[in-house]
Amino acid sequence: MTGPPIPEAPYMPDGYGMSGATPESRTPWETIAVQLTRARNYWLCTVRYDDRPHAMPVWGLWVNNHFLFSTDPSSRKGVNLAERPDAVVHLESGDDVVVVDGAVSRIPISELPHSFVDDYEAKYGFRIELDRSDPDATAAYGFYSLKPRTVLVWDESDFPGTATRWRFPEP
């Protein structure tokens, strides 16, 4: 886990009105963490072998400032991530914007929080069955963790006043 994210004014060209944004108007991290936790669908954006973008919705959990999700390693998402681990995840709303940029890694079952299965079932009504007998096992469909570098947020009703880039320090 990394330290707490650091708020910054995001870079936007002059025409966006960022000069009016103040530290007091920035969206608090606690608000963003709640949005990331409560979201049902997350759009995962990866890059194909030929540099074309690929976006697909996934289910997942926001845990300890990481986004945990699963996909089959042989799926387009899985293949893209194996070749290029950088990805973007964003929530569905274009009014309450949350865009997470970071690096994705495939993780063994042993690195999932012990509450993962119960939390996933509570959120989605679907229970994932895991065999934790082998600590180095990876599920056939693959678990992944997106470690954020930055999270860009704003509330459209108060743009650009709430526009904030949260930067995560390197461990």
N, C-alpha and C. Protein backbone atom coordinates (compact mmCIF):
# COMPACT_ATOMS: atom_id res chain seq x y z
N MET A 1 0.84 -1.17 0.00
CA MET A 1 0.00 0.00 0.00
C MET A 1 0.89 1.24 0.00
N THR A 2 0.46 2.21 -0.75
CA THR A 2 1.21 3.46 -0.81
C THR A 2 0.67 4.43 0.23
N GLY A 3 1.38 5.55 0.40
CA GLY A 3 0.92 6.58 1.32
C GLY A 3 -0.33 7.26 0.78
N PRO A 4 -0.85 8.23 1.53
CA PRO A 4 -2.07 8.92 1.09
C PRO A 4 -1.79 9.73 -0.17
N PRO A 5 -2.79 9.86 -1.04
CA PRO A 5 -2.58 10.64 -2.25
C PRO A 5 -2.45 12.13 -1.94
N ILE A 6 -1.78 12.83 -2.85
CA ILE A 6 -1.50 14.25 -2.69
C ILE A 6 -2.35 15.02 -3.71
N PRO A 7 -3.17 16.00 -3.25
CA PRO A 7 -3.99 16.75 -4.20
C PRO A 7 -3.19 17.81 -4.94
N GLU A 8 -3.51 17.96 -6.23
CA GLU A 8 -2.88 18.96 -7.06
C GLU A 8 -3.93 19.54 -8.00
N ALA A 9 -3.70 20.74 -8.47
CA ALA A 9 -4.53 21.28 -9.54
C ALA A 9 -4.11 20.61 -10.83
N PRO A 10 -5.02 20.01 -11.57
CA PRO A 10 -4.63 19.34 -12.81
C PRO A 10 -4.26 20.37 -13.88
N TYR A 11 -3.39 19.97 -14.78
CA TYR A 11 -3.08 20.85 -15.89
C TYR A 11 -4.24 20.83 -16.88
N MET A 12 -4.73 21.99 -17.25
CA MET A 12 -5.72 22.14 -18.31
C MET A 12 -5.38 23.43 -19.04
N PRO A 13 -5.60 23.46 -20.36
CA PRO A 13 -5.32 24.69 -21.11
C PRO A 13 -6.09 25.89 -20.54
N ASP A 14 -5.62 27.09 -20.84
CA ASP A 14 -6.19 28.32 -20.28
C ASP A 14 -7.70 28.42 -20.42
N GLY A 15 -8.26 27.96 -21.49
CA GLY A 15 -9.69 28.11 -21.74
C GLY A 15 -10.59 27.33 -20.80
N TYR A 16 -10.03 26.44 -19.97
CA TYR A 16 -10.83 25.64 -19.07
C TYR A 16 -11.14 26.35 -17.75
N GLY A 17 -10.53 27.48 -17.49
CA GLY A 17 -10.85 28.25 -16.29
C GLY A 17 -10.26 27.71 -15.01
N MET A 18 -9.15 27.02 -15.07
CA MET A 18 -8.55 26.44 -13.87
C MET A 18 -8.02 27.50 -12.92
N SER A 19 -7.86 28.73 -13.39
CA SER A 19 -7.32 29.75 -12.51
C SER A 19 -8.25 30.02 -11.33
N GLY A 20 -9.54 29.67 -11.42
CA GLY A 20 -10.49 29.89 -10.33
C GLY A 20 -10.50 28.78 -9.30
N ALA A 21 -9.82 27.68 -9.57
CA ALA A 21 -9.83 26.56 -8.62
C ALA A 21 -8.92 26.88 -7.44
N THR A 22 -9.40 26.61 -6.26
CA THR A 22 -8.63 26.85 -5.04
C THR A 22 -8.51 25.54 -4.27
N PRO A 23 -7.52 25.42 -3.39
CA PRO A 23 -7.40 24.19 -2.60
C PRO A 23 -8.68 23.87 -1.82
N GLU A 24 -9.41 24.89 -1.37
CA GLU A 24 -10.63 24.66 -0.59
C GLU A 24 -11.75 24.06 -1.44
N SER A 25 -11.73 24.30 -2.77
CA SER A 25 -12.81 23.80 -3.62
C SER A 25 -12.54 22.42 -4.17
N ARG A 26 -11.35 21.90 -3.94
CA ARG A 26 -11.01 20.58 -4.48
C ARG A 26 -11.82 19.48 -3.83
N THR A 27 -12.10 18.46 -4.59
CA THR A 27 -12.87 17.33 -4.10
C THR A 27 -12.05 16.56 -3.06
N PRO A 28 -12.60 16.36 -1.85
CA PRO A 28 -11.85 15.64 -0.81
C PRO A 28 -11.61 14.17 -1.20
N TRP A 29 -10.45 13.64 -0.81
CA TRP A 29 -10.14 12.24 -1.14
C TRP A 29 -11.19 11.29 -0.57
N GLU A 30 -11.71 11.55 0.60
CA GLU A 30 -12.70 10.66 1.20
C GLU A 30 -13.92 10.51 0.30
N THR A 31 -14.32 11.58 -0.37
CA THR A 31 -15.45 11.54 -1.31
C THR A 31 -15.13 10.63 -2.48
N ILE A 32 -13.93 10.74 -3.00
CA ILE A 32 -13.51 9.93 -4.15
C ILE A 32 -13.42 8.46 -3.75
N ALA A 33 -12.86 8.17 -2.59
CA ALA A 33 -12.75 6.78 -2.13
C ALA A 33 -14.13 6.14 -2.01
N VAL A 34 -15.11 6.90 -1.53
CA VAL A 34 -16.49 6.37 -1.43
C VAL A 34 -17.03 6.09 -2.83
N GLN A 35 -16.83 7.00 -3.77
CA GLN A 35 -17.31 6.77 -5.14
C GLN A 35 -16.67 5.51 -5.73
N LEU A 36 -15.37 5.36 -5.55
CA LEU A 36 -14.68 4.18 -6.09
C LEU A 36 -15.16 2.90 -5.43
N THR A 37 -15.46 2.96 -4.14
CA THR A 37 -15.92 1.79 -3.41
C THR A 37 -17.34 1.39 -3.82
N ARG A 38 -18.22 2.37 -3.96
CA ARG A 38 -19.64 2.10 -4.24
C ARG A 38 -19.96 1.81 -5.69
N ALA A 39 -19.08 2.18 -6.61
CA ALA A 39 -19.36 1.99 -8.03
C ALA A 39 -19.64 0.52 -8.32
N ARG A 40 -20.56 0.28 -9.23
CA ARG A 40 -20.87 -1.10 -9.63
C ARG A 40 -20.04 -1.51 -10.84
N ASN A 41 -20.02 -0.67 -11.84
CA ASN A 41 -19.30 -0.97 -13.07
C ASN A 41 -18.14 0.00 -13.25
N TYR A 42 -17.03 -0.55 -13.68
CA TYR A 42 -15.81 0.22 -13.92
C TYR A 42 -15.40 -0.02 -15.37
N TRP A 43 -15.05 1.03 -16.07
CA TRP A 43 -14.57 0.87 -17.44
C TRP A 43 -13.05 0.75 -17.42
N LEU A 44 -12.57 -0.38 -17.88
CA LEU A 44 -11.13 -0.65 -17.96
C LEU A 44 -10.66 -0.36 -19.38
N CYS A 45 -9.70 0.53 -19.50
CA CYS A 45 -9.17 0.92 -20.80
C CYS A 45 -7.72 0.46 -20.92
N THR A 46 -7.47 -0.35 -21.92
CA THR A 46 -6.13 -0.89 -22.17
C THR A 46 -5.75 -0.54 -23.61
N VAL A 47 -4.54 -0.97 -24.01
CA VAL A 47 -4.07 -0.70 -25.37
C VAL A 47 -3.73 -2.03 -26.04
N ARG A 48 -4.24 -2.21 -27.25
CA ARG A 48 -3.97 -3.43 -28.03
C ARG A 48 -2.56 -3.42 -28.61
N TYR A 49 -2.16 -4.57 -29.13
CA TYR A 49 -0.84 -4.74 -29.73
C TYR A 49 -0.57 -3.75 -30.86
N ASP A 50 -1.63 -3.29 -31.54
CA ASP A 50 -1.46 -2.37 -32.67
C ASP A 50 -1.75 -0.92 -32.27
N ASP A 51 -1.71 -0.64 -30.98
CA ASP A 51 -1.88 0.71 -30.40
C ASP A 51 -3.32 1.22 -30.41
N ARG A 52 -4.28 0.40 -30.80
CA ARG A 52 -5.67 0.84 -30.72
C ARG A 52 -6.17 0.68 -29.29
N PRO A 53 -6.99 1.61 -28.81
CA PRO A 53 -7.53 1.48 -27.45
C PRO A 53 -8.57 0.38 -27.37
N HIS A 54 -8.74 -0.15 -26.17
CA HIS A 54 -9.74 -1.18 -25.89
C HIS A 54 -10.37 -0.84 -24.55
N ALA A 55 -11.69 -0.70 -24.53
CA ALA A 55 -12.41 -0.37 -23.29
C ALA A 55 -13.50 -1.41 -23.06
N MET A 56 -13.57 -1.92 -21.85
CA MET A 56 -14.59 -2.90 -21.46
C MET A 56 -14.98 -2.68 -20.02
N PRO A 57 -16.25 -2.90 -19.69
CA PRO A 57 -16.66 -2.79 -18.29
C PRO A 57 -16.22 -4.04 -17.51
N VAL A 58 -15.85 -3.84 -16.26
CA VAL A 58 -15.50 -4.95 -15.37
C VAL A 58 -16.13 -4.68 -14.01
N TRP A 59 -16.26 -5.74 -13.24
CA TRP A 59 -16.65 -5.62 -11.84
C TRP A 59 -15.38 -5.69 -11.01
N GLY A 60 -15.39 -5.05 -9.85
CA GLY A 60 -14.22 -5.11 -9.00
C GLY A 60 -14.45 -4.41 -7.67
N LEU A 61 -13.40 -4.38 -6.89
CA LEU A 61 -13.44 -3.78 -5.55
C LEU A 61 -12.30 -2.78 -5.40
N TRP A 62 -12.60 -1.65 -4.79
CA TRP A 62 -11.58 -0.66 -4.42
C TRP A 62 -11.18 -0.99 -2.99
N VAL A 63 -9.93 -1.42 -2.80
CA VAL A 63 -9.45 -1.87 -1.49
C VAL A 63 -8.07 -1.28 -1.24
N ASN A 64 -7.92 -0.57 -0.12
CA ASN A 64 -6.61 -0.01 0.26
C ASN A 64 -5.94 0.75 -0.88
N ASN A 65 -6.71 1.60 -1.54
CA ASN A 65 -6.20 2.43 -2.63
C ASN A 65 -5.67 1.62 -3.82
N HIS A 66 -6.26 0.45 -4.04
CA HIS A 66 -5.99 -0.35 -5.23
C HIS A 66 -7.33 -0.81 -5.80
N PHE A 67 -7.38 -1.00 -7.11
CA PHE A 67 -8.57 -1.55 -7.74
C PHE A 67 -8.30 -3.01 -8.07
N LEU A 68 -9.09 -3.91 -7.48
CA LEU A 68 -8.94 -5.35 -7.70
C LEU A 68 -10.06 -5.84 -8.61
N PHE A 69 -9.71 -6.60 -9.65
CA PHE A 69 -10.70 -7.10 -10.59
C PHE A 69 -10.20 -8.42 -11.17
N SER A 70 -11.06 -9.07 -11.92
CA SER A 70 -10.65 -10.32 -12.57
C SER A 70 -11.04 -10.29 -14.04
N THR A 71 -10.27 -11.01 -14.80
CA THR A 71 -10.57 -11.25 -16.21
C THR A 71 -9.74 -12.45 -16.65
N ASP A 72 -10.20 -13.13 -17.64
CA ASP A 72 -9.46 -14.27 -18.18
C ASP A 72 -8.17 -13.76 -18.82
N PRO A 73 -7.03 -14.32 -18.46
CA PRO A 73 -5.77 -13.86 -19.05
C PRO A 73 -5.72 -13.99 -20.57
N SER A 74 -6.55 -14.87 -21.15
CA SER A 74 -6.56 -15.02 -22.60
C SER A 74 -7.57 -14.10 -23.27
N SER A 75 -8.32 -13.32 -22.48
CA SER A 75 -9.25 -12.34 -23.06
C SER A 75 -8.45 -11.19 -23.65
N ARG A 76 -9.09 -10.36 -24.45
CA ARG A 76 -8.40 -9.19 -25.02
C ARG A 76 -7.83 -8.32 -23.91
N LYS A 77 -8.59 -8.12 -22.82
CA LYS A 77 -8.09 -7.32 -21.69
C LYS A 77 -6.84 -7.96 -21.11
N GLY A 78 -6.92 -9.26 -20.85
CA GLY A 78 -5.80 -9.97 -20.24
C GLY A 78 -4.56 -9.95 -21.11
N VAL A 79 -4.72 -10.17 -22.41
CA VAL A 79 -3.58 -10.14 -23.34
C VAL A 79 -2.99 -8.74 -23.39
N ASN A 80 -3.86 -7.73 -23.48
CA ASN A 80 -3.36 -6.35 -23.51
C ASN A 80 -2.54 -6.04 -22.26
N LEU A 81 -3.06 -6.43 -21.10
CA LEU A 81 -2.37 -6.14 -19.84
C LEU A 81 -1.05 -6.89 -19.72
N ALA A 82 -0.98 -8.10 -20.26
CA ALA A 82 0.28 -8.85 -20.23
C ALA A 82 1.34 -8.15 -21.07
N GLU A 83 0.92 -7.53 -22.18
CA GLU A 83 1.86 -6.85 -23.06
C GLU A 83 2.18 -5.44 -22.60
N ARG A 84 1.17 -4.75 -22.05
CA ARG A 84 1.31 -3.36 -21.60
C ARG A 84 0.51 -3.19 -20.33
N PRO A 85 1.16 -3.16 -19.19
CA PRO A 85 0.42 -3.14 -17.92
C PRO A 85 -0.20 -1.80 -17.55
N ASP A 86 0.06 -0.74 -18.30
CA ASP A 86 -0.56 0.54 -17.99
C ASP A 86 -2.02 0.53 -18.43
N ALA A 87 -2.88 1.08 -17.56
CA ALA A 87 -4.31 1.08 -17.86
C ALA A 87 -4.98 2.27 -17.18
N VAL A 88 -6.20 2.53 -17.62
CA VAL A 88 -7.05 3.55 -17.01
C VAL A 88 -8.36 2.87 -16.66
N VAL A 89 -8.88 3.20 -15.48
CA VAL A 89 -10.21 2.76 -15.06
C VAL A 89 -11.00 4.02 -14.75
N HIS A 90 -12.22 4.07 -15.27
CA HIS A 90 -13.06 5.21 -14.90
C HIS A 90 -14.47 4.73 -14.60
N LEU A 91 -15.15 5.52 -13.79
CA LEU A 91 -16.53 5.20 -13.41
C LEU A 91 -17.47 5.61 -14.53
N GLU A 92 -18.73 5.22 -14.41
CA GLU A 92 -19.69 5.43 -15.49
C GLU A 92 -20.11 6.88 -15.69
N SER A 93 -20.13 7.67 -14.66
CA SER A 93 -20.68 9.01 -14.75
C SER A 93 -19.76 9.98 -15.48
N GLY A 94 -20.35 10.78 -16.34
CA GLY A 94 -19.64 11.89 -16.97
C GLY A 94 -19.87 13.19 -16.21
N ASP A 95 -20.68 13.14 -15.16
CA ASP A 95 -20.95 14.32 -14.33
C ASP A 95 -20.14 14.31 -13.05
N ASP A 96 -20.00 13.15 -12.43
CA ASP A 96 -19.14 12.97 -11.25
C ASP A 96 -17.96 12.13 -11.72
N VAL A 97 -16.98 12.78 -12.28
CA VAL A 97 -15.89 12.11 -13.00
C VAL A 97 -14.83 11.61 -12.04
N VAL A 98 -14.46 10.33 -12.22
CA VAL A 98 -13.34 9.72 -11.50
C VAL A 98 -12.59 8.86 -12.51
N VAL A 99 -11.33 9.21 -12.78
CA VAL A 99 -10.49 8.49 -13.74
C VAL A 99 -9.20 8.10 -13.03
N VAL A 100 -8.95 6.79 -12.95
CA VAL A 100 -7.77 6.25 -12.26
C VAL A 100 -6.77 5.79 -13.31
N ASP A 101 -5.55 6.30 -13.23
CA ASP A 101 -4.47 5.92 -14.13
C ASP A 101 -3.42 5.18 -13.33
N GLY A 102 -3.00 4.02 -13.82
CA GLY A 102 -2.00 3.29 -13.07
C GLY A 102 -1.46 2.08 -13.79
N ALA A 103 -0.72 1.29 -13.05
CA ALA A 103 -0.11 0.07 -13.56
C ALA A 103 -0.85 -1.13 -12.99
N VAL A 104 -1.10 -2.10 -13.86
CA VAL A 104 -1.83 -3.30 -13.48
C VAL A 104 -0.88 -4.48 -13.40
N SER A 105 -1.06 -5.32 -12.39
CA SER A 105 -0.29 -6.55 -12.30
C SER A 105 -1.23 -7.70 -11.96
N ARG A 106 -0.91 -8.87 -12.48
CA ARG A 106 -1.67 -10.07 -12.13
C ARG A 106 -1.19 -10.51 -10.76
N ILE A 107 -2.14 -10.90 -9.91
CA ILE A 107 -1.77 -11.26 -8.54
C ILE A 107 -2.24 -12.67 -8.21
N PRO A 108 -1.47 -13.38 -7.37
CA PRO A 108 -1.91 -14.69 -6.92
C PRO A 108 -3.05 -14.57 -5.92
N ILE A 109 -3.78 -15.63 -5.76
CA ILE A 109 -4.91 -15.65 -4.83
C ILE A 109 -4.48 -15.24 -3.43
N SER A 110 -3.27 -15.60 -3.04
CA SER A 110 -2.80 -15.29 -1.68
C SER A 110 -2.70 -13.79 -1.42
N GLU A 111 -2.63 -12.98 -2.47
CA GLU A 111 -2.55 -11.52 -2.29
C GLU A 111 -3.91 -10.85 -2.23
N LEU A 112 -4.98 -11.61 -2.46
CA LEU A 112 -6.32 -11.04 -2.31
C LEU A 112 -6.63 -10.90 -0.82
N PRO A 113 -7.30 -9.83 -0.44
CA PRO A 113 -7.72 -9.73 0.97
C PRO A 113 -8.60 -10.92 1.33
N HIS A 114 -8.51 -11.39 2.57
CA HIS A 114 -9.32 -12.54 2.97
C HIS A 114 -10.81 -12.27 2.87
N SER A 115 -11.20 -11.01 2.95
CA SER A 115 -12.62 -10.66 2.85
C SER A 115 -13.07 -10.49 1.40
N PHE A 116 -12.18 -10.67 0.43
CA PHE A 116 -12.49 -10.39 -0.96
C PHE A 116 -13.74 -11.13 -1.45
N VAL A 117 -13.81 -12.43 -1.22
CA VAL A 117 -14.94 -13.23 -1.73
C VAL A 117 -16.25 -12.75 -1.11
N ASP A 118 -16.26 -12.54 0.19
CA ASP A 118 -17.49 -12.07 0.86
C ASP A 118 -17.87 -10.66 0.40
N ASP A 119 -16.88 -9.78 0.29
CA ASP A 119 -17.16 -8.41 -0.14
C ASP A 119 -17.68 -8.39 -1.58
N TYR A 120 -17.10 -9.22 -2.44
CA TYR A 120 -17.53 -9.30 -3.84
C TYR A 120 -18.96 -9.82 -3.92
N GLU A 121 -19.25 -10.85 -3.14
CA GLU A 121 -20.61 -11.40 -3.13
C GLU A 121 -21.62 -10.38 -2.61
N ALA A 122 -21.26 -9.64 -1.56
CA ALA A 122 -22.16 -8.63 -1.01
C ALA A 122 -22.44 -7.53 -2.05
N LYS A 123 -21.46 -7.19 -2.83
CA LYS A 123 -21.61 -6.13 -3.81
C LYS A 123 -22.36 -6.57 -5.06
N TYR A 124 -22.06 -7.77 -5.56
CA TYR A 124 -22.58 -8.21 -6.85
C TYR A 124 -23.58 -9.36 -6.79
N GLY A 125 -23.74 -9.99 -5.63
CA GLY A 125 -24.65 -11.13 -5.55
C GLY A 125 -24.12 -12.35 -6.27
N PHE A 126 -22.81 -12.42 -6.44
CA PHE A 126 -22.16 -13.53 -7.12
C PHE A 126 -20.95 -13.94 -6.29
N ARG A 127 -20.88 -15.22 -5.96
CA ARG A 127 -19.77 -15.70 -5.12
C ARG A 127 -18.69 -16.35 -5.96
N ILE A 128 -17.49 -15.86 -5.81
CA ILE A 128 -16.32 -16.45 -6.47
C ILE A 128 -15.77 -17.52 -5.55
N GLU A 129 -15.56 -18.70 -6.08
CA GLU A 129 -14.98 -19.78 -5.28
C GLU A 129 -13.48 -19.82 -5.51
N LEU A 130 -12.73 -19.71 -4.43
CA LEU A 130 -11.27 -19.72 -4.51
C LEU A 130 -10.70 -20.91 -3.75
N ASP A 131 -9.65 -21.47 -4.29
CA ASP A 131 -8.91 -22.52 -3.59
C ASP A 131 -7.64 -21.88 -3.04
N ARG A 132 -7.64 -21.61 -1.73
CA ARG A 132 -6.49 -20.96 -1.10
C ARG A 132 -5.46 -21.97 -0.59
N SER A 133 -5.59 -23.25 -0.96
CA SER A 133 -4.67 -24.27 -0.45
C SER A 133 -3.26 -24.09 -1.03
N ASP A 134 -3.14 -23.54 -2.22
CA ASP A 134 -1.84 -23.29 -2.82
C ASP A 134 -1.59 -21.78 -2.77
N PRO A 135 -0.65 -21.32 -1.92
CA PRO A 135 -0.46 -19.88 -1.74
C PRO A 135 0.00 -19.15 -3.01
N ASP A 136 0.57 -19.87 -3.96
CA ASP A 136 1.04 -19.24 -5.20
C ASP A 136 0.06 -19.40 -6.35
N ALA A 137 -1.09 -19.98 -6.07
CA ALA A 137 -2.06 -20.25 -7.13
C ALA A 137 -2.62 -18.96 -7.70
N THR A 138 -2.87 -18.99 -8.99
CA THR A 138 -3.61 -17.92 -9.64
C THR A 138 -4.85 -18.58 -10.23
N ALA A 139 -5.98 -17.92 -10.07
CA ALA A 139 -7.22 -18.47 -10.61
C ALA A 139 -7.13 -18.52 -12.12
N ALA A 140 -7.81 -19.48 -12.72
CA ALA A 140 -7.77 -19.64 -14.17
C ALA A 140 -8.19 -18.36 -14.88
N TYR A 141 -9.13 -17.63 -14.30
CA TYR A 141 -9.60 -16.42 -14.96
C TYR A 141 -8.79 -15.20 -14.57
N GLY A 142 -7.89 -15.29 -13.61
CA GLY A 142 -6.94 -14.24 -13.30
C GLY A 142 -7.46 -13.10 -12.45
N PHE A 143 -6.72 -12.76 -11.42
CA PHE A 143 -6.99 -11.59 -10.59
C PHE A 143 -5.92 -10.56 -10.87
N TYR A 144 -6.33 -9.30 -10.85
CA TYR A 144 -5.44 -8.21 -11.19
C TYR A 144 -5.61 -7.08 -10.18
N SER A 145 -4.54 -6.32 -10.01
CA SER A 145 -4.56 -5.15 -9.13
C SER A 145 -4.05 -3.95 -9.92
N LEU A 146 -4.85 -2.89 -9.95
CA LEU A 146 -4.41 -1.64 -10.54
C LEU A 146 -3.93 -0.76 -9.40
N LYS A 147 -2.66 -0.43 -9.43
CA LYS A 147 -2.05 0.48 -8.45
C LYS A 147 -2.05 1.87 -9.08
N PRO A 148 -2.80 2.80 -8.51
CA PRO A 148 -2.91 4.11 -9.16
C PRO A 148 -1.64 4.95 -9.05
N ARG A 149 -1.40 5.70 -10.13
CA ARG A 149 -0.40 6.76 -10.12
C ARG A 149 -1.11 8.08 -9.86
N THR A 150 -2.23 8.28 -10.59
CA THR A 150 -3.02 9.49 -10.41
C THR A 150 -4.51 9.14 -10.50
N VAL A 151 -5.32 9.98 -9.87
CA VAL A 151 -6.77 9.91 -9.99
C VAL A 151 -7.23 11.33 -10.31
N LEU A 152 -7.89 11.49 -11.45
CA LEU A 152 -8.40 12.78 -11.87
C LEU A 152 -9.89 12.82 -11.62
N VAL A 153 -10.36 13.87 -10.95
CA VAL A 153 -11.78 13.95 -10.57
C VAL A 153 -12.33 15.36 -10.79
N TRP A 154 -13.64 15.43 -10.99
CA TRP A 154 -14.35 16.70 -10.93
C TRP A 154 -15.85 16.43 -10.88
N ASP A 155 -16.56 17.40 -10.37
CA ASP A 155 -18.02 17.37 -10.34
C ASP A 155 -18.47 18.39 -11.39
N GLU A 156 -19.19 17.93 -12.38
CA GLU A 156 -19.59 18.80 -13.49
C GLU A 156 -20.35 20.03 -13.04
N SER A 157 -21.11 19.93 -11.94
CA SER A 157 -21.89 21.07 -11.47
C SER A 157 -21.00 22.19 -10.92
N ASP A 158 -19.74 21.88 -10.63
CA ASP A 158 -18.81 22.91 -10.13
C ASP A 158 -17.46 22.75 -10.82
N PHE A 159 -17.50 22.62 -12.15
CA PHE A 159 -16.27 22.53 -12.92
C PHE A 159 -15.87 23.93 -13.33
N PRO A 160 -14.65 24.32 -13.20
CA PRO A 160 -13.48 23.54 -12.84
C PRO A 160 -13.13 23.58 -11.36
N GLY A 161 -13.98 24.20 -10.54
CA GLY A 161 -13.65 24.38 -9.13
C GLY A 161 -13.30 23.10 -8.40
N THR A 162 -13.95 22.00 -8.75
CA THR A 162 -13.69 20.74 -8.05
C THR A 162 -12.64 19.87 -8.74
N ALA A 163 -12.14 20.32 -9.88
CA ALA A 163 -11.16 19.52 -10.62
C ALA A 163 -9.91 19.33 -9.78
N THR A 164 -9.55 18.08 -9.57
CA THR A 164 -8.40 17.73 -8.74
C THR A 164 -7.68 16.54 -9.33
N ARG A 165 -6.37 16.60 -9.33
CA ARG A 165 -5.57 15.41 -9.65
C ARG A 165 -4.95 14.96 -8.34
N TRP A 166 -5.23 13.73 -7.99
CA TRP A 166 -4.63 13.12 -6.79
C TRP A 166 -3.46 12.29 -7.25
N ARG A 167 -2.28 12.61 -6.78
CA ARG A 167 -1.06 11.88 -7.14
C ARG A 167 -0.67 10.95 -5.99
N PHE A 168 -0.35 9.71 -6.33
CA PHE A 168 0.06 8.73 -5.33
C PHE A 168 1.57 8.66 -5.28
N PRO A 169 2.15 8.80 -4.09
CA PRO A 169 3.61 8.72 -3.99
C PRO A 169 4.09 7.29 -4.28
N GLU A 170 5.30 7.22 -4.80
CA GLU A 170 5.91 5.92 -5.03
C GLU A 170 6.25 5.30 -3.68
N PRO A 171 6.13 3.97 -3.56
CA PRO A 171 6.46 3.33 -2.27
C PRO A 171 7.95 3.42 -1.96
